[in-house]
């Protein structure tokens, strides 16, 4: 089963549930062949829910902790609880639940953008766009496959980001181009947030030979645990955008990545961070009891090696959370 961009954008647009204006619902999701909803999609839906509950303001940042896996077979309910709603700034918590279980808890900051007093941005990574020369940009990057029709994805200098044989600096630059960019500002922010969860674990693993996300949920237990995203004005673009990922730390069963989202001409439109679990588990351990349809499936031809000896001494997690 393959998701489409149209379905994804429709899933972001949560609907009111009841008359209080603080509760919203998203229907059963297309799991793209997996029995779990991506945590970054739930973050995106939380951003839209907060904006609808506190109208007239713009979401400037959102930070989510993924507490439990969400099933695509059941609706998700989003409860927005304002912390404070002033004349300019507002803040709220958003709880995403299935039944009595809280799957995601997010904190959202909103405000009314104001005229510049000062302005600068400092894009990270290699230069992109015309000033970088004819060899830079998406045309020179390698196509990558992820299950979403209506989106092109290319990765600079890396043919297979899942492979344990792909070794290099813990940096990945991904170019994305969507067939349709939403006209609504809140849905554009949701679309930017949705991809922040997809390549960070691969970025952290890239610095270590013999381990890659092809092994995820087979010999290595991985999960995105928290994402923070900050939007920079204006959140608008045409054509290709670049997600720059850099892992500055991995250890103690966790990996940390910071990233930036830039337009093709180098304008910074969002920044993000991610904390992820990267731990070993035995084939017969509790983590291996997760149904195979809830795991990221290894691509054919990728060898399934175990992580390095040092990883074997790490504690096994009791289960896994959404990727």
Protein backbone atom coordinates (compact mmCIF):
# COMPACT_ATOMS: atom_id res chain seq x y z
CA UNK A 1 0.00 0.00 0.00
CA UNK A 2 1.40 3.39 -0.99
CA UNK A 3 0.35 6.73 0.45
CA UNK A 4 -0.29 9.71 -1.81
CA UNK A 5 0.50 13.36 -1.19
CA UNK A 6 -3.19 14.18 -1.51
CA UNK A 7 -4.07 11.68 1.24
CA UNK A 8 -1.29 12.99 3.46
CA UNK A 9 -2.38 16.63 3.22
CA UNK A 10 -5.99 15.60 3.85
CA UNK A 11 -4.86 13.69 6.97
CA UNK A 12 -3.21 16.85 8.34
CA UNK A 13 -6.50 18.77 8.22
CA UNK A 14 -8.02 17.51 11.47
CA UNK A 15 -11.75 18.03 11.92
CA UNK A 16 -13.56 19.53 14.95
CA UNK A 17 -15.01 17.03 17.39
CA UNK A 18 -17.74 18.61 19.49
CA UNK A 19 -18.55 22.28 20.00
CA UNK A 20 -15.77 23.30 22.39
CA UNK A 21 -13.27 24.15 19.62
CA UNK A 22 -10.51 22.36 21.51
CA UNK A 23 -10.98 18.76 20.38
CA UNK A 24 -10.25 17.45 16.89
CA UNK A 25 -10.18 14.10 15.14
CA UNK A 26 -8.23 12.52 12.30
CA UNK A 27 -9.72 9.42 10.75
CA UNK A 28 -7.98 6.08 10.24
CA UNK A 29 -4.71 6.59 8.34
CA UNK A 30 -2.98 4.97 5.41
CA UNK A 31 -0.06 3.25 7.10
CA UNK A 32 1.83 2.83 3.80
CA UNK A 33 2.11 -0.89 4.45
CA UNK A 34 3.00 -0.59 8.14
CA UNK A 35 0.73 -1.05 11.13
CA UNK A 36 1.87 2.19 12.77
CA UNK A 37 1.39 5.91 12.13
CA UNK A 38 4.56 7.99 11.69
CA UNK A 39 5.15 10.13 14.76
CA UNK A 40 6.07 13.11 12.59
CA UNK A 41 2.63 12.90 10.92
CA UNK A 42 0.98 13.15 14.35
CA UNK A 43 3.22 16.15 15.12
CA UNK A 44 2.00 17.74 11.88
CA UNK A 45 -1.63 17.11 12.84
CA UNK A 46 -1.01 18.59 16.30
CA UNK A 47 0.30 21.77 14.66
CA UNK A 48 -2.90 22.11 12.62
CA UNK A 49 -5.10 21.37 15.67
CA UNK A 50 -3.38 24.06 17.76
CA UNK A 51 -3.76 26.61 14.97
CA UNK A 52 -7.47 25.87 14.64
CA UNK A 53 -8.06 26.01 18.40
CA UNK A 54 -6.25 29.37 18.69
CA UNK A 55 -7.25 31.14 15.46
CA UNK A 56 -5.63 34.33 14.23
CA UNK A 57 -2.15 33.21 15.28
CA UNK A 58 0.68 31.41 13.51
CA UNK A 59 2.43 28.32 14.86
CA UNK A 60 6.08 29.26 15.44
CA UNK A 61 7.38 26.11 17.12
CA UNK A 62 6.20 22.68 18.23
CA UNK A 63 7.89 20.04 20.36
CA UNK A 64 6.49 16.52 20.60
CA UNK A 65 7.30 13.43 22.66
CA UNK A 66 6.14 10.12 21.18
CA UNK A 67 4.91 8.10 24.13
CA UNK A 68 3.23 5.14 22.44
CA UNK A 69 2.61 3.72 18.98
CA UNK A 70 -0.56 4.77 17.14
CA UNK A 71 -2.45 2.36 14.92
CA UNK A 72 -3.52 3.51 11.43
CA UNK A 73 -6.69 1.41 11.82
CA UNK A 74 -8.29 3.75 14.38
CA UNK A 75 -9.02 7.49 14.58
CA UNK A 76 -6.77 9.83 16.56
CA UNK A 77 -8.28 12.46 18.84
CA UNK A 78 -6.39 15.70 19.54
CA UNK A 79 -7.17 17.69 22.67
CA UNK A 80 -5.78 21.23 22.73
CA UNK A 81 -5.30 22.78 26.18
CA UNK A 82 -4.29 26.46 26.11
CA UNK A 83 -1.59 27.39 28.60
CA UNK A 84 -1.94 31.11 27.93
CA UNK A 85 -3.47 33.13 25.10
CA UNK A 86 -2.29 36.74 25.18
CA UNK A 87 -2.73 39.53 22.66
CA UNK A 88 0.31 38.34 20.69
CA UNK A 89 1.76 35.08 21.96
CA UNK A 90 -0.18 31.97 22.83
CA UNK A 91 0.89 28.53 23.99
CA UNK A 92 -0.90 25.23 24.28
CA UNK A 93 -0.39 21.55 24.88
CA UNK A 94 -1.83 19.01 22.46
CA UNK A 95 -2.50 15.42 23.48
CA UNK A 96 -3.07 12.89 20.69
CA UNK A 97 -4.98 9.84 21.94
CA UNK A 98 -6.43 6.58 20.75
CA UNK A 99 -9.04 5.53 23.28
CA UNK A 100 -7.63 6.04 26.77
CA UNK A 101 -4.00 5.89 25.63
CA UNK A 102 -1.99 9.05 24.98
CA UNK A 103 0.27 8.46 21.99
CA UNK A 104 1.86 11.90 21.54
CA UNK A 105 2.18 14.94 23.79
CA UNK A 106 3.12 18.23 22.11
CA UNK A 107 3.77 21.79 23.24
CA UNK A 108 3.02 24.49 20.68
CA UNK A 109 3.99 28.19 20.61
CA UNK A 110 1.95 30.59 18.47
CA UNK A 111 2.13 34.33 17.80
CA UNK A 112 1.46 37.09 15.30
CA UNK A 113 4.58 37.65 13.13
CA UNK A 114 5.84 41.22 13.33
CA UNK A 115 7.99 43.47 11.08
CA UNK A 116 11.75 42.88 11.24
CA UNK A 117 13.88 44.69 13.75
CA UNK A 118 16.85 42.56 12.74
CA UNK A 119 17.11 39.57 10.39
CA UNK A 120 19.78 37.00 9.56
CA UNK A 121 20.02 33.29 8.93
CA UNK A 122 22.99 30.94 8.81
CA UNK A 123 22.30 27.87 6.67
CA UNK A 124 24.34 24.82 7.62
CA UNK A 125 26.03 22.38 5.26
CA UNK A 126 27.31 22.86 1.75
CA UNK A 127 26.12 25.72 -0.41
CA UNK A 128 23.13 25.05 -2.62
CA UNK A 129 21.67 26.90 -5.55
CA UNK A 130 23.39 28.81 -8.35
CA UNK A 131 26.29 30.03 -6.21
CA UNK A 132 27.30 26.42 -5.48
CA UNK A 133 28.05 25.61 -9.12
CA UNK A 134 26.46 23.31 -11.71
CA UNK A 135 27.28 20.07 -9.83
CA UNK A 136 25.23 20.98 -6.74
CA UNK A 137 21.50 20.68 -6.31
CA UNK A 138 18.86 17.97 -6.73
CA UNK A 139 19.78 17.12 -10.33
CA UNK A 140 23.15 15.75 -9.16
CA UNK A 141 21.71 13.91 -6.14
CA UNK A 142 20.69 10.23 -6.05
CA UNK A 143 16.97 9.33 -6.26
CA UNK A 144 15.63 7.67 -3.12
CA UNK A 145 12.46 5.66 -2.68
CA UNK A 146 9.98 6.34 0.11
CA UNK A 147 6.30 5.31 -0.08
CA UNK A 148 4.60 8.58 -1.00
CA UNK A 149 3.38 9.30 -4.51
CA UNK A 150 3.41 12.97 -5.44
CA UNK A 151 6.83 13.61 -3.94
CA UNK A 152 10.31 13.36 -5.40
CA UNK A 153 13.21 12.62 -3.03
CA UNK A 154 16.93 12.80 -3.81
CA UNK A 155 19.91 12.48 -1.43
CA UNK A 156 23.26 14.10 -2.07
CA UNK A 157 26.20 11.70 -2.37
CA UNK A 158 24.39 8.68 -0.92
CA UNK A 159 22.88 5.90 -3.07
CA UNK A 160 21.22 3.91 -0.25
CA UNK A 161 20.76 5.68 3.09
CA UNK A 162 19.47 2.42 4.67
CA UNK A 163 22.57 0.34 3.93
CA UNK A 164 24.98 -0.70 6.73
CA UNK A 165 27.73 -0.41 4.10
CA UNK A 166 27.04 3.31 3.57
CA UNK A 167 29.68 4.99 5.76
CA UNK A 168 30.63 8.65 5.92
CA UNK A 169 30.23 11.76 8.05
CA UNK A 170 26.99 11.78 10.08
CA UNK A 171 25.40 14.24 7.64
CA UNK A 172 22.60 13.76 5.09
CA UNK A 173 21.20 16.32 2.67
CA UNK A 174 17.84 15.41 1.18
CA UNK A 175 16.13 17.29 -1.64
CA UNK A 176 12.32 17.14 -1.81
CA UNK A 177 9.88 18.36 -4.42
CA UNK A 178 6.11 18.06 -3.96
CA UNK A 179 3.68 17.98 -6.85
CA UNK A 180 1.38 20.22 -4.80
CA UNK A 181 2.26 22.70 -2.06
CA UNK A 182 -0.75 23.58 0.12
CA UNK A 183 -2.11 27.09 -0.21
CA UNK A 184 -2.97 27.24 3.51
CA UNK A 185 -0.14 28.32 5.80
CA UNK A 186 -0.94 25.77 8.55
CA UNK A 187 -0.86 22.88 6.08
CA UNK A 188 2.50 24.05 4.68
CA UNK A 189 3.92 23.99 8.20
CA UNK A 190 2.44 20.54 8.73
CA UNK A 191 4.02 19.31 5.50
CA UNK A 192 7.45 20.62 6.51
CA UNK A 193 7.16 19.01 9.96
CA UNK A 194 6.11 15.63 8.57
CA UNK A 195 9.48 14.86 6.94
CA UNK A 196 11.60 15.79 9.99
CA UNK A 197 11.26 12.25 11.35
CA UNK A 198 12.39 10.30 8.29
CA UNK A 199 16.18 10.45 7.91
CA UNK A 200 17.62 11.37 11.28
CA UNK A 201 18.35 7.83 12.47
CA UNK A 202 20.03 7.05 9.13
CA UNK A 203 22.14 10.18 9.63
CA UNK A 204 23.33 9.05 13.07
CA UNK A 205 24.13 5.52 11.86
CA UNK A 206 26.06 6.68 8.79
CA UNK A 207 29.23 7.35 10.81
CA UNK A 208 29.45 3.69 11.93
CA UNK A 209 30.37 0.79 9.64
CA UNK A 210 28.14 -2.29 9.70
CA UNK A 211 24.98 -0.62 10.97
CA UNK A 212 22.14 0.96 9.01
CA UNK A 213 18.41 1.45 9.08
CA UNK A 214 17.93 -1.67 6.91
CA UNK A 215 18.49 -3.50 10.22
CA UNK A 216 15.87 -1.49 12.11
CA UNK A 217 13.41 -3.73 14.01
CA UNK A 218 15.41 -6.83 12.97
CA UNK A 219 18.75 -6.66 14.81
CA UNK A 220 18.48 -3.07 16.07
CA UNK A 221 15.55 -1.46 17.86
CA UNK A 222 15.04 2.12 16.71
CA UNK A 223 12.34 4.71 17.31
CA UNK A 224 11.92 8.45 17.10
CA UNK A 225 11.32 9.63 20.66
CA UNK A 226 11.00 13.41 20.31
CA UNK A 227 11.00 16.07 17.59
CA UNK A 228 11.18 19.84 17.90
CA UNK A 229 10.53 22.11 14.91
CA UNK A 230 10.74 25.89 14.63
CA UNK A 231 9.36 27.77 11.63
CA UNK A 232 11.01 30.86 10.19
CA UNK A 233 9.03 33.42 8.24
CA UNK A 234 7.84 33.27 5.57
CA UNK A 235 7.06 29.55 5.33
CA UNK A 236 6.61 29.41 1.56
CA UNK A 237 8.56 27.86 -1.31
CA UNK A 238 8.44 26.84 -4.94
CA UNK A 239 10.02 23.67 -6.34
CA UNK A 240 12.79 21.91 -4.45
CA UNK A 241 13.58 22.27 -0.75
CA UNK A 242 16.55 20.79 1.12
CA UNK A 243 16.58 19.05 4.52
CA UNK A 244 20.07 19.24 6.00
CA UNK A 245 20.64 16.66 8.80
CA UNK A 246 23.66 16.54 11.13
CA UNK A 247 24.07 14.10 14.01
CA UNK A 248 26.20 15.73 16.69
CA UNK A 249 25.90 12.89 19.23
CA UNK A 250 25.15 9.17 19.38
CA UNK A 251 25.63 6.99 22.45
CA UNK A 252 23.98 5.49 25.53
CA UNK A 253 21.29 3.98 23.32
CA UNK A 254 20.27 7.33 21.81
CA UNK A 255 21.04 9.50 18.80
CA UNK A 256 20.64 13.27 18.42
CA UNK A 257 20.24 15.15 15.14
CA UNK A 258 19.80 18.81 14.35
CA UNK A 259 18.58 19.99 10.97
CA UNK A 260 17.53 22.84 8.76
CA UNK A 261 15.01 23.17 5.94
CA UNK A 262 16.07 25.50 3.12
CA UNK A 263 14.69 26.64 -0.20
CA UNK A 264 16.75 25.94 -3.31
CA UNK A 265 18.13 29.49 -3.26
CA UNK A 266 19.35 29.00 0.32
CA UNK A 267 16.62 30.73 2.35
CA UNK A 268 16.12 29.14 5.77
CA UNK A 269 12.44 28.33 6.43
CA UNK A 270 12.59 25.90 9.38
CA UNK A 271 14.95 24.28 11.90
CA UNK A 272 14.44 21.02 13.75
CA UNK A 273 15.94 18.57 16.25
CA UNK A 274 15.31 14.91 16.89
CA UNK A 275 16.04 12.47 19.73
CA UNK A 276 15.91 8.81 18.75
CA UNK A 277 16.36 5.43 20.39
CA UNK A 278 19.05 3.17 18.84
CA UNK A 279 19.43 -0.05 20.86
CA UNK A 280 20.16 -3.72 20.40
CA UNK A 281 17.71 -6.53 20.97
CA UNK A 282 17.94 -10.28 20.71
CA UNK A 283 15.89 -12.08 18.04
CA UNK A 284 13.73 -13.69 20.74
CA UNK A 285 13.53 -10.59 22.97
CA UNK A 286 10.48 -8.53 23.85
CA UNK A 287 11.15 -5.92 21.14
CA UNK A 288 11.14 -8.67 18.50
CA UNK A 289 7.57 -9.55 19.49
CA UNK A 290 6.33 -6.50 17.58
CA UNK A 291 4.46 -7.70 14.50
CA UNK A 292 6.60 -7.58 11.39
CA UNK A 293 4.07 -5.36 9.60
CA UNK A 294 4.82 -2.67 12.20
CA UNK A 295 8.53 -2.68 11.38
CA UNK A 296 10.48 -0.98 8.65
CA UNK A 297 11.11 -3.79 6.21
CA UNK A 298 14.69 -4.37 5.08
CA UNK A 299 15.32 -3.94 1.41
CA UNK A 300 16.31 -7.02 -0.53
CA UNK A 301 20.03 -7.44 -0.99
CA UNK A 302 20.99 -5.62 2.23
CA UNK A 303 22.93 -7.87 4.57
CA UNK A 304 21.47 -8.13 8.05
CA UNK A 305 24.53 -7.84 10.25
CA UNK A 306 24.41 -7.29 13.99
CA UNK A 307 25.63 -4.01 15.49
CA UNK A 308 29.11 -3.75 16.91
CA UNK A 309 30.18 -5.61 20.02
CA UNK A 310 29.78 -2.54 22.20
CA UNK A 311 26.09 -2.31 21.31
CA UNK A 312 25.35 -5.82 22.55
CA UNK A 313 25.83 -4.78 26.15
CA UNK A 314 23.10 -2.14 25.95
CA UNK A 315 19.76 -2.91 27.63
CA UNK A 316 16.98 -4.23 25.47
CA UNK A 317 13.90 -1.98 25.25
CA UNK A 318 10.59 -3.37 26.35
CA UNK A 319 9.00 -2.36 23.06
CA UNK A 320 9.13 0.24 20.36
CA UNK A 321 7.42 3.48 19.49
CA UNK A 322 6.51 5.00 16.11
CA UNK A 323 9.28 5.87 13.67
